[in-house]
Structure formats: C-alpha cells, structure tokens
C-alpha cells in the first residue's frame, strides 16, 4: 500500500476526524503496512520498535471492532511492563475519545488488585495489562475472555525474555478459537516463531527496518583484553565524552547494581534499573533519570523495555548483546528526531566475532577506536544540574502539578524557570529543581502549605 492518508482506510468517520484533531497527518511506515490488514481481520506478525507508531497500528483496528453496547472484554492487549501498559492505555484512550462510553482498563502488577476487581465488576471493552496480573484475574474469574475478538501481544520478544511464555500460553487458552491475534515485536527470535505457529492463523508478516536512523548515530567500539578491564575503560569513556544523559546496558541484574555502585564511588550520578526493584523503587529510578537529577542509568534489556526517554545523548553497551537486532534496538534510543546520537560499545577479545557480525548485518565498515585516545587518568564525575524533591502526597490527595509549582514560586519563592519536571503518582509526587536553588526550594515547601495543608517534603 502506498497511500499514507488515514482517509484511505476503512475507518469510521468518528475515529478518522479524531485523528485529525490529534495531529495524525499521515501514517507511519508500520501503520501503513499493518492497518489495512488489521482492519480486514487478518492475524499479523509486525516487527517494529517503540516510537514507530505501533499503538495506533493495532489500536485503531481494535477500536473499529468494538460493540460499545457490550461491556464484556472484547480486546486484550498484553505488555511486558507496567510503564508500557500505561503508555498504551493512555494512547488508546486518546484514540477512543470520540466513542461514547468506551471503557479501557489497565490491569498491572505492582498495584493493589482490589480496586482492579472493583473496576472489572462494571465491565470494560478493552483491557491492557501485564501477563502475570491478567493471569491472576483469570484465575480468580474476575476477568473472563469468552467474548474476546482481538488479542494483541505488544513487545512480545521482551515478554518471552522475561519468562512469560507459559503464562501467555495459559492466557491464550482462555480465549475463543475464533479471534484475531496481532503480535508486535522489536526483534524476531525463535520463541516468537514458536508462539506464532501455536496461536496464529496464517499470519501476515510485516517489518519496518529500525536501522534507518543510524546515519545520525556515531558508533564507537573499544577493545579491552578481558572483562575486568571494562570498568576502567568505561570511566575513561565517560570522562572524554561527558554525556548529560547516558543509558548503559549490562547483561545481568547483579551486573547492573554493581556497575552503578562502582560509578557512584567515582562521583558519577548513576542509578540502576533491573528486575529486583519493586514498583515504587522503579518509579523513582525512572523519575530521577528523566528529570535529569541522575545522568546515568544502568539497565538490563528487559528492565529498559518500554522506556521512552527523549533526548538521550549516549547509549553504552557495557556488555554487547548476542543478538544484532537487539544492538540496533538499543542504539536507536539515541539520535532521535534527527539529532546526533552517540553509541559506544566495549568488546573483549572473546567478543570480536560479534563485532564482525555487526558490520555484516549493518552493511557498514566498523572500526575500533583506540583506547589510547581516552584520558589516562579520568577525573571523578560531576554532579547533575537538577535535584529531586519528594512530596508525601499525590494524585489520590488531589495534588496537581500546578499546586506544586505555585507553592514553589509564590510568596518570595524561586523563579519558575528553575523548576523542572513534575511527576505525580497515586501517593507521592516528585519535582526537579536546579541544584543551586534546591535548598531554597526545600525550605519554601517545608515552610509553606499546598492546598491549605502542610506536606512532608524531603530531598533525595
């Protein structure tokens, strides 16, 4: 299909006019390749990464099929993480804005199950959730899938990486045989092929190449003799290139935690993101990295999936992935929107064959950067420009960003331009403040009141 206009699709007028109001002017490549077939009811395997417009690619097809008079679950969208499920549900609600009384529920782990059971009692047309929590509801019979029309597996490769194959299998067995199954994945490993063969009917395969943006990304490779030399080389790389925001990939949860601690001991504002963190800890890590009060995030592939961080200056492969697709997916997080990006990788002698494989896969002549080009005695890292303050009230206490901003800037407070990102969760809120004004901002919030009451505030 060559037409990129949404008007070329068999979409209802309500959905189409809403796309105009949302600023959807033309289909992205994945929407162009997927949507006509999704709307025609075909099963689909689509290879596309986060940020490609894939939510609309399946979301519009889901919404077009709903019977709004039937409050049973008609579409189930499975996502690997709570963050991604939240993003997908938010986008689905935007796309569904013109549909009367449409109900979209989010069911994820890390939050109490009681309120979710209460929501399900009133029914819901679309359920977005993580496999473990969906399995819980099916077991408790608080969710039934007898009238399901569409099943979507979003970022299916990561769900398999996280060990959800059997859980997904069990969920699919609870769905009607006559259903549409849409499988979206950034990479296409063997597990995806097995999953598709088991549960899809004559699926159409579409793919959007993710290496189209690599021209904006400078790729550097540093050879080290043995794994034990990686840390000192990494410190030299950070000293030379000084990225304001840097995502470092390590292979294991333990490796992430240890590397973040090592970087901290050298004065770097580094934090770790891995599967052993509970949801509150995970939220805090993501808040601090996205609001620039921590410069370096050390993560595993599984933990980093679903993150959508704008303006990431550098990606570092501390441990090179074994899959070339995953390498491309990792480095695609820098150099977004045509900006210049930097991707750096550490290679041991045992990994040199992967370096050669990458060159063939990317159809590029890759060269090693001499380690001698890095500073021999790197200084300690500098502190980030922002500091995070935490408030012990949140959305459930009716706290809004404007309330926090007003309390900071009113009555002799700090200038508004010194206040950064504000994140509000159910029972906590976080605000980023320029470092030089952090003490004054903390004093301002502790001495004053927000919405007529004192709120406990502390610096993180």
Protein backbone atom coordinates (compact mmCIF):
# COMPACT_ATOMS: atom_id res chain seq x y z
CA UNK A 1 0.00 0.00 0.00
CA UNK A 2 1.44 3.37 -0.98
CA UNK A 3 -1.27 5.79 0.24
CA UNK A 4 -0.25 7.29 3.61
CA UNK A 5 -3.56 9.11 4.24
CA UNK A 6 -5.78 7.75 7.02
CA UNK A 7 -8.76 8.60 4.76
CA UNK A 8 -7.74 5.65 2.56
CA UNK A 9 -8.63 3.23 5.39
CA UNK A 10 -11.96 1.62 6.22
CA UNK A 11 -12.25 3.67 9.42
CA UNK A 12 -15.40 5.17 10.93
CA UNK A 13 -15.80 8.91 10.47
CA UNK A 14 -15.62 9.47 14.24
CA UNK A 15 -12.21 7.79 14.56
CA UNK A 16 -10.87 9.46 11.41
CA UNK A 17 -11.85 13.01 12.43
CA UNK A 18 -10.35 12.41 15.90
CA UNK A 19 -7.03 11.51 14.23
CA UNK A 20 -7.05 14.94 12.57
CA UNK A 21 -7.60 16.65 15.93
CA UNK A 22 -4.72 14.62 17.45
CA UNK A 23 -2.39 15.81 14.68
CA UNK A 24 -2.10 12.44 12.91
CA UNK A 25 -1.49 13.76 9.41
CA UNK A 26 -0.07 10.68 7.65
CA UNK A 27 0.52 7.05 8.54
CA UNK A 28 3.94 5.97 9.78
CA UNK A 29 5.52 3.04 7.89
CA UNK A 30 4.30 0.45 10.40
CA UNK A 31 0.76 1.88 10.32
CA UNK A 32 0.84 1.91 6.52
CA UNK A 33 1.90 -1.73 6.35
CA UNK A 34 -0.29 -3.04 9.19
CA UNK A 35 -3.55 -1.13 9.44
CA UNK A 36 -5.30 -2.26 6.22
CA UNK A 37 -4.73 -5.91 7.20
CA UNK A 38 -5.65 -5.35 10.87
CA UNK A 39 -8.91 -3.71 9.78
CA UNK A 40 -9.53 -6.64 7.41
CA UNK A 41 -9.31 -9.04 10.36
CA UNK A 42 -6.01 -10.74 9.43
CA UNK A 43 -3.63 -12.20 12.00
CA UNK A 44 -0.35 -10.29 11.92
CA UNK A 45 3.29 -10.51 12.96
CA UNK A 46 4.73 -6.98 12.88
CA UNK A 47 8.38 -6.19 13.53
CA UNK A 48 8.56 -2.63 14.84
CA UNK A 49 10.17 -0.85 17.76
CA UNK A 50 8.86 1.56 20.41
CA UNK A 51 8.26 5.01 18.93
CA UNK A 52 7.25 3.71 15.48
CA UNK A 53 3.53 4.40 15.93
CA UNK A 54 2.62 0.78 16.55
CA UNK A 55 -0.02 1.52 19.23
CA UNK A 56 -2.20 3.26 16.64
CA UNK A 57 -1.38 0.45 14.18
CA UNK A 58 -3.22 -2.07 16.36
CA UNK A 59 -5.32 0.37 18.43
CA UNK A 60 -7.43 1.71 15.57
CA UNK A 61 -8.17 -1.84 14.43
CA UNK A 62 -9.22 -2.79 17.97
CA UNK A 63 -11.50 0.24 18.39
CA UNK A 64 -13.13 -0.23 14.99
CA UNK A 65 -14.33 -3.72 16.02
CA UNK A 66 -15.86 -2.85 19.40
CA UNK A 67 -19.55 -3.32 20.16
CA UNK A 68 -19.95 -0.45 22.63
CA UNK A 69 -23.27 -1.82 23.95
CA UNK A 70 -21.49 -4.95 25.18
CA UNK A 71 -19.32 -4.20 28.25
CA UNK A 72 -17.55 -7.58 28.11
CA UNK A 73 -13.80 -7.64 27.39
CA UNK A 74 -13.59 -7.63 23.58
CA UNK A 75 -9.88 -6.79 23.24
CA UNK A 76 -6.90 -7.78 25.40
CA UNK A 77 -3.52 -6.07 24.97
CA UNK A 78 -0.61 -7.76 26.78
CA UNK A 79 2.52 -5.68 27.54
CA UNK A 80 5.79 -6.65 29.27
CA UNK A 81 5.90 -3.83 31.83
CA UNK A 82 3.59 -1.58 33.80
CA UNK A 83 5.16 1.51 32.15
CA UNK A 84 4.43 0.28 28.64
CA UNK A 85 0.91 -0.83 29.59
CA UNK A 86 0.26 2.65 31.00
CA UNK A 87 1.57 4.31 27.81
CA UNK A 88 -0.52 2.02 25.59
CA UNK A 89 -3.70 2.55 27.65
CA UNK A 90 -3.17 6.33 27.54
CA UNK A 91 -2.77 6.31 23.76
CA UNK A 92 -5.80 4.03 23.35
CA UNK A 93 -7.91 6.47 25.38
CA UNK A 94 -6.80 9.34 23.13
CA UNK A 95 -7.67 7.36 20.01
CA UNK A 96 -11.03 6.33 21.54
CA UNK A 97 -12.03 9.86 22.55
CA UNK A 98 -14.99 10.17 20.11
CA UNK A 99 -16.51 6.78 21.05
CA UNK A 100 -19.36 7.13 23.59
CA UNK A 101 -18.96 5.26 26.90
CA UNK A 102 -15.92 3.29 25.79
CA UNK A 103 -14.17 1.74 28.79
CA UNK A 104 -10.43 0.93 28.73
CA UNK A 105 -8.98 -0.74 31.86
CA UNK A 106 -5.34 -1.14 32.90
CA UNK A 107 -4.53 -4.27 34.92
CA UNK A 108 -0.89 -4.48 36.05
CA UNK A 109 1.11 -5.93 38.89
CA UNK A 110 2.78 -3.67 41.44
CA UNK A 111 -0.59 -2.12 42.36
CA UNK A 112 -3.36 -3.46 44.66
CA UNK A 113 -5.67 -5.97 42.99
CA UNK A 114 -8.79 -4.92 44.97
CA UNK A 115 -9.58 -1.70 43.06
CA UNK A 116 -8.98 -3.57 39.78
CA UNK A 117 -11.58 -6.19 40.76
CA UNK A 118 -13.99 -3.33 41.53
CA UNK A 119 -13.42 -1.80 38.08
CA UNK A 120 -13.93 -5.16 36.36
CA UNK A 121 -17.32 -5.60 38.06
CA UNK A 122 -18.56 -2.71 35.91
CA UNK A 123 -17.14 -4.29 32.75
CA UNK A 124 -14.68 -2.96 30.19
CA UNK A 125 -14.38 -3.10 26.41
CA UNK A 126 -10.56 -3.11 26.25
CA UNK A 127 -8.13 -4.47 28.85
CA UNK A 128 -4.43 -3.52 28.77
CA UNK A 129 -2.22 -5.40 31.19
CA UNK A 130 0.86 -7.40 32.12
CA UNK A 131 0.75 -11.21 31.78
CA UNK A 132 1.14 -12.02 35.49
CA UNK A 133 -1.74 -9.79 36.63
CA UNK A 134 -4.02 -10.87 33.76
CA UNK A 135 -3.34 -14.49 34.79
CA UNK A 136 -4.28 -13.58 38.41
CA UNK A 137 -7.65 -12.15 37.30
CA UNK A 138 -8.41 -15.13 35.06
CA UNK A 139 -7.62 -17.49 37.94
CA UNK A 140 -9.90 -15.52 40.29
CA UNK A 141 -12.53 -15.38 37.49
CA UNK A 142 -12.73 -11.61 37.93
CA UNK A 143 -11.89 -11.36 34.20
CA UNK A 144 -13.43 -13.55 31.51
CA UNK A 145 -12.47 -13.64 27.83
CA UNK A 146 -15.38 -15.56 26.27
CA UNK A 147 -16.37 -12.61 24.07
CA UNK A 148 -12.82 -11.59 23.10
CA UNK A 149 -12.43 -10.50 19.46
CA UNK A 150 -8.81 -9.29 19.34
CA UNK A 151 -5.68 -10.35 21.24
CA UNK A 152 -2.58 -8.13 20.96
CA UNK A 153 0.88 -9.16 22.18
CA UNK A 154 2.88 -5.92 22.33
CA UNK A 155 6.69 -6.22 22.59
CA UNK A 156 6.26 -9.98 22.54
CA UNK A 157 10.03 -10.62 22.45
CA UNK A 158 10.52 -8.91 25.83
CA UNK A 159 7.63 -10.82 27.38
CA UNK A 160 9.37 -14.02 26.32
CA UNK A 161 12.73 -12.73 27.64
CA UNK A 162 11.04 -12.12 30.98
CA UNK A 163 9.91 -15.76 31.14
CA UNK A 164 6.23 -15.23 30.34
CA UNK A 165 5.89 -17.91 27.61
CA UNK A 166 3.87 -20.36 29.74
CA UNK A 167 1.79 -17.54 31.25
CA UNK A 168 0.92 -16.22 27.78
CA UNK A 169 0.13 -19.77 26.63
CA UNK A 170 -2.27 -20.17 29.56
CA UNK A 171 -3.97 -16.82 28.84
CA UNK A 172 -4.42 -17.64 25.15
CA UNK A 173 -6.05 -20.97 26.02
CA UNK A 174 -8.76 -18.95 27.84
CA UNK A 175 -9.65 -17.03 24.66
CA UNK A 176 -12.08 -18.08 21.91
CA UNK A 177 -10.57 -20.00 18.98
CA UNK A 178 -12.23 -17.54 16.64
CA UNK A 179 -10.28 -14.36 17.35
CA UNK A 180 -7.76 -12.06 15.67
CA UNK A 181 -4.21 -12.28 17.07
CA UNK A 182 -1.76 -9.41 16.48
CA UNK A 183 1.87 -9.91 17.50
CA UNK A 184 4.19 -6.87 17.67
CA UNK A 185 7.89 -7.36 18.40
CA UNK A 186 11.07 -5.31 18.01
CA UNK A 187 13.10 -8.44 17.27
CA UNK A 188 12.14 -11.82 15.81
CA UNK A 189 13.82 -14.62 17.82
CA UNK A 190 12.91 -18.32 17.69
CA UNK A 191 10.45 -18.01 20.57
CA UNK A 192 8.31 -15.59 18.57
CA UNK A 193 8.14 -18.02 15.64
CA UNK A 194 7.07 -20.80 18.03
CA UNK A 195 4.44 -18.57 19.65
CA UNK A 196 3.04 -17.55 16.28
CA UNK A 197 2.96 -21.13 14.97
CA UNK A 198 0.98 -22.21 18.07
CA UNK A 199 -1.63 -19.45 18.20
CA UNK A 200 -1.96 -17.57 14.92
CA UNK A 201 -3.87 -18.46 11.76
CA UNK A 202 -1.98 -17.84 8.51
CA UNK A 203 -0.41 -14.62 9.85
CA UNK A 204 0.85 -11.91 7.52
CA UNK A 205 4.40 -10.72 8.31
CA UNK A 206 5.30 -7.04 8.04
CA UNK A 207 8.56 -5.38 9.03
CA UNK A 208 9.80 -1.84 9.41
CA UNK A 209 13.58 -1.67 9.42
CA UNK A 210 14.84 0.04 12.55
CA UNK A 211 18.29 0.91 11.22
CA UNK A 212 17.06 3.81 9.10
CA UNK A 213 18.06 6.39 11.73
CA UNK A 214 21.61 5.13 12.20
CA UNK A 215 23.08 7.82 9.98
CA UNK A 216 22.54 10.20 12.91
CA UNK A 217 24.35 7.90 15.34
CA UNK A 218 28.11 7.89 15.81
CA UNK A 219 29.17 4.33 16.67
CA UNK A 220 32.42 3.78 18.59
CA UNK A 221 33.91 0.42 19.59
CA UNK A 222 36.64 -0.02 22.23
CA UNK A 223 38.53 -3.30 22.57
CA UNK A 224 39.61 -4.41 26.06
CA UNK A 225 41.74 -7.51 26.73
CA UNK A 226 39.50 -9.02 29.43
CA UNK A 227 36.15 -8.26 31.17
CA UNK A 228 38.00 -6.97 34.27
CA UNK A 229 39.34 -4.04 32.20
CA UNK A 230 35.86 -2.82 31.24
CA UNK A 231 35.24 -0.62 34.30
CA UNK A 232 38.39 1.49 33.97
CA UNK A 233 37.77 1.91 30.21
CA UNK A 234 34.16 2.95 30.87
CA UNK A 235 35.31 5.65 33.33
CA UNK A 236 37.70 6.99 30.67
CA UNK A 237 34.90 7.00 28.06
CA UNK A 238 32.59 8.97 30.38
CA UNK A 239 35.39 11.45 31.14
CA UNK A 240 36.12 12.08 27.46
CA UNK A 241 32.57 12.29 26.06
CA UNK A 242 30.74 13.66 29.18
CA UNK A 243 27.17 12.76 28.14
CA UNK A 244 24.45 14.64 30.03
CA UNK A 245 22.16 11.61 29.78
CA UNK A 246 23.52 8.13 29.23
CA UNK A 247 21.91 4.68 29.19
CA UNK A 248 24.36 1.85 29.89
CA UNK A 249 23.31 -1.73 29.11
CA UNK A 250 24.62 -4.57 31.28
CA UNK A 251 23.75 -8.24 30.86
CA UNK A 252 22.57 -9.20 34.36
CA UNK A 253 20.65 -7.71 37.30
CA UNK A 254 23.65 -8.15 39.58
CA UNK A 255 25.96 -6.61 36.98
CA UNK A 256 23.68 -3.54 36.79
CA UNK A 257 23.66 -2.97 40.54
CA UNK A 258 27.42 -3.47 40.91
CA UNK A 259 28.28 -1.20 37.97
CA UNK A 260 26.02 1.61 39.24
CA UNK A 261 27.71 1.38 42.67
CA UNK A 262 31.16 1.48 41.09
CA UNK A 263 30.24 4.57 39.05
CA UNK A 264 28.81 6.25 42.17
CA UNK A 265 32.09 5.60 44.01
CA UNK A 266 33.81 7.66 41.26
CA UNK A 267 31.43 10.60 41.68
CA UNK A 268 29.01 9.77 38.85
CA UNK A 269 25.26 10.21 39.40
CA UNK A 270 24.40 6.66 38.33
CA UNK A 271 21.31 4.61 39.18
CA UNK A 272 20.41 1.00 38.34
CA UNK A 273 17.22 -0.38 36.77
CA UNK A 274 16.69 -4.13 36.99
CA UNK A 275 14.10 -6.77 37.76
CA UNK A 276 14.73 -6.95 41.53
CA UNK A 277 13.34 -3.46 42.15
CA UNK A 278 9.77 -3.14 43.41
CA UNK A 279 7.41 -0.80 41.58
CA UNK A 280 7.99 2.21 43.88
CA UNK A 281 11.78 1.88 43.52
CA UNK A 282 11.44 1.50 39.76
CA UNK A 283 9.22 4.60 39.52
CA UNK A 284 11.78 6.62 41.49
CA UNK A 285 14.69 5.50 39.28
CA UNK A 286 12.79 6.46 36.11
CA UNK A 287 11.74 9.80 37.60
CA UNK A 288 15.31 10.74 38.55
CA UNK A 289 16.72 9.79 35.16
CA UNK A 290 14.02 11.50 33.11
CA UNK A 291 14.12 14.72 35.19
CA UNK A 292 17.95 14.93 34.87
CA UNK A 293 18.79 14.57 38.58
CA UNK A 294 20.73 11.43 37.62
CA UNK A 295 22.86 11.42 34.49
CA UNK A 296 23.49 7.69 34.06
CA UNK A 297 21.02 4.81 34.02
CA UNK A 298 22.47 1.28 34.09
CA UNK A 299 19.87 -1.25 32.92
CA UNK A 300 19.24 -4.70 31.51
CA UNK A 301 17.39 -5.01 28.20
CA UNK A 302 14.32 -6.41 29.94
CA UNK A 303 14.15 -3.60 32.53
CA UNK A 304 14.70 -0.87 29.92
CA UNK A 305 11.97 -2.09 27.59
CA UNK A 306 9.00 0.25 27.47
CA UNK A 307 11.06 3.31 28.46
CA UNK A 308 10.56 6.24 26.15
CA UNK A 309 13.26 8.76 27.06
CA UNK A 310 13.63 11.82 24.85
CA UNK A 311 16.95 13.44 24.03
CA UNK A 312 19.21 10.61 25.20
CA UNK A 313 22.75 11.73 24.38
CA UNK A 314 24.54 8.39 24.57
CA UNK A 315 23.98 4.65 24.76
CA UNK A 316 26.81 2.41 26.01
CA UNK A 317 26.93 -1.35 25.52
CA UNK A 318 28.94 -2.36 28.58
CA UNK A 319 28.01 -5.92 27.63
CA UNK A 320 27.45 -6.39 23.91
CA UNK A 321 24.19 -8.24 23.14
CA UNK A 322 24.40 -11.59 21.38
CA UNK A 323 21.57 -10.62 19.00
CA UNK A 324 22.33 -8.00 16.31
CA UNK A 325 18.66 -6.92 16.27
CA UNK A 326 18.91 -6.03 19.96
CA UNK A 327 22.05 -3.97 19.29
CA UNK A 328 20.18 -1.93 16.66
CA UNK A 329 17.22 -1.53 19.01
CA UNK A 330 19.48 -0.33 21.85
CA UNK A 331 21.39 2.28 19.87
CA UNK A 332 18.16 3.53 18.27
CA UNK A 333 17.36 5.15 21.62
CA UNK A 334 19.91 7.90 20.93
CA UNK A 335 19.87 10.26 17.95
CA UNK A 336 16.07 10.56 17.96
CA UNK A 337 14.24 13.06 15.74
CA UNK A 338 17.29 13.59 13.54
CA UNK A 339 19.52 14.72 16.41
CA UNK A 340 23.08 13.46 16.60
CA UNK A 341 23.48 10.44 18.86
CA UNK A 342 26.42 8.55 20.30
CA UNK A 343 26.60 4.76 20.73
CA UNK A 344 29.68 3.22 22.36
CA UNK A 345 30.45 -0.45 22.89
CA UNK A 346 33.06 -2.35 24.89
CA UNK A 347 34.43 -5.54 23.32
CA UNK A 348 36.55 -8.24 24.90
CA UNK A 349 38.77 -10.43 22.71
CA UNK A 350 36.18 -13.21 23.00
CA UNK A 351 33.53 -10.87 21.51
CA UNK A 352 35.44 -9.77 18.40
CA UNK A 353 33.47 -12.19 16.21
CA UNK A 354 30.29 -10.28 17.18
CA UNK A 355 31.94 -7.05 16.04
CA UNK A 356 32.45 -8.62 12.61
CA UNK A 357 28.88 -9.97 12.54
CA UNK A 358 27.57 -6.47 13.31
CA UNK A 359 29.47 -4.98 10.39
CA UNK A 360 27.91 -7.52 8.02
CA UNK A 361 24.44 -7.05 9.50
CA UNK A 362 24.58 -3.24 9.29
CA UNK A 363 26.34 -3.34 5.92
CA UNK A 364 28.90 -0.89 7.31
CA UNK A 365 32.66 -0.88 7.72
CA UNK A 366 33.07 -0.67 11.50
CA UNK A 367 36.38 0.32 13.05
CA UNK A 368 37.82 0.06 16.54
CA UNK A 369 38.60 3.32 18.35
CA UNK A 370 41.99 3.13 20.10
CA UNK A 371 41.68 3.01 23.89
CA UNK A 372 44.82 5.21 23.87
CA UNK A 373 42.61 8.08 22.61
CA UNK A 374 40.90 8.16 26.03
CA UNK A 375 42.28 10.11 29.04
CA UNK A 376 44.73 8.04 31.09
CA UNK A 377 43.70 9.41 34.48
CA UNK A 378 39.99 10.30 34.34
CA UNK A 379 38.68 12.78 36.95
CA UNK A 380 35.66 11.95 39.10
CA UNK A 381 32.24 12.64 37.63
CA UNK A 382 30.45 15.94 38.27
CA UNK A 383 27.06 16.38 39.92
CA UNK A 384 23.97 16.70 37.70
CA UNK A 385 22.27 20.06 37.22
CA UNK A 386 18.99 19.01 38.84
CA UNK A 387 17.95 17.70 42.29
CA UNK A 388 14.75 15.79 43.07
CA UNK A 389 12.41 16.70 45.95
CA UNK A 390 9.83 14.13 47.06
CA UNK A 391 6.40 15.05 48.47
CA UNK A 392 4.40 12.54 50.53
CA UNK A 393 1.09 13.22 48.78
CA UNK A 394 -0.07 12.53 45.24
CA UNK A 395 -2.92 12.09 42.81
CA UNK A 396 -5.21 10.41 45.36
CA UNK A 397 -4.81 13.53 47.55
CA UNK A 398 -5.95 15.68 44.56
CA UNK A 399 -2.42 17.10 44.17
CA UNK A 400 -1.71 18.60 40.73
CA UNK A 401 1.49 19.92 39.09
CA UNK A 402 0.13 23.47 39.24
CA UNK A 403 -0.27 23.23 43.03
CA UNK A 404 3.42 22.32 43.45
CA UNK A 405 4.62 24.96 41.00
CA UNK A 406 2.51 27.61 42.74
CA UNK A 407 3.88 26.68 46.18
CA UNK A 408 7.47 26.87 44.89
CA UNK A 409 7.19 30.18 43.06
CA UNK A 410 4.70 32.13 45.23
CA UNK A 411 5.46 34.47 48.16
CA UNK A 412 9.16 35.09 47.59
CA UNK A 413 9.81 31.62 46.20
CA UNK A 414 12.18 30.57 43.44
CA UNK A 415 11.79 31.65 39.78
CA UNK A 416 9.62 29.32 37.69
CA UNK A 417 12.40 28.60 35.19
CA UNK A 418 14.36 26.85 37.98
CA UNK A 419 11.61 24.24 38.38
CA UNK A 420 11.98 21.17 36.16
CA UNK A 421 9.83 18.12 35.53
CA UNK A 422 6.99 17.35 37.97
CA UNK A 423 5.81 13.71 38.29
CA UNK A 424 2.72 12.81 40.29
CA UNK A 425 1.87 9.23 41.36
CA UNK A 426 -1.03 7.99 43.49
CA UNK A 427 0.50 8.79 46.89
CA UNK A 428 3.77 10.60 46.10
CA UNK A 429 4.99 13.43 43.89
CA UNK A 430 8.46 14.39 42.65
CA UNK A 431 9.74 17.75 41.43
CA UNK A 432 13.12 18.52 39.85
CA UNK A 433 14.83 21.75 40.93
CA UNK A 434 18.01 23.36 39.60
CA UNK A 435 20.79 22.37 42.00
CA UNK A 436 21.72 25.91 43.10
CA UNK A 437 18.10 26.53 44.23
CA UNK A 438 17.40 23.14 45.84
CA UNK A 439 17.90 24.29 49.46
CA UNK A 440 15.71 27.34 48.97
CA UNK A 441 13.01 25.27 47.23
CA UNK A 442 13.01 22.70 50.04
CA UNK A 443 12.73 25.46 52.65
CA UNK A 444 9.90 27.10 50.67
CA UNK A 445 7.84 23.86 50.54
CA UNK A 446 8.54 22.92 54.17
CA UNK A 447 7.61 26.37 55.49
CA UNK A 448 4.53 26.85 53.29
CA UNK A 449 1.32 24.99 52.60
CA UNK A 450 -0.08 23.33 49.48
CA UNK A 451 -3.86 23.42 49.09
CA UNK A 452 -4.07 24.71 52.67
CA UNK A 453 -2.13 21.90 54.32
CA UNK A 454 1.46 21.09 55.24
CA UNK A 455 3.01 18.28 53.22
CA UNK A 456 6.15 16.35 54.19
CA UNK A 457 8.94 17.06 51.71
CA UNK A 458 12.47 15.69 51.51
CA UNK A 459 15.45 15.89 49.20
CA UNK A 460 16.52 12.64 47.51
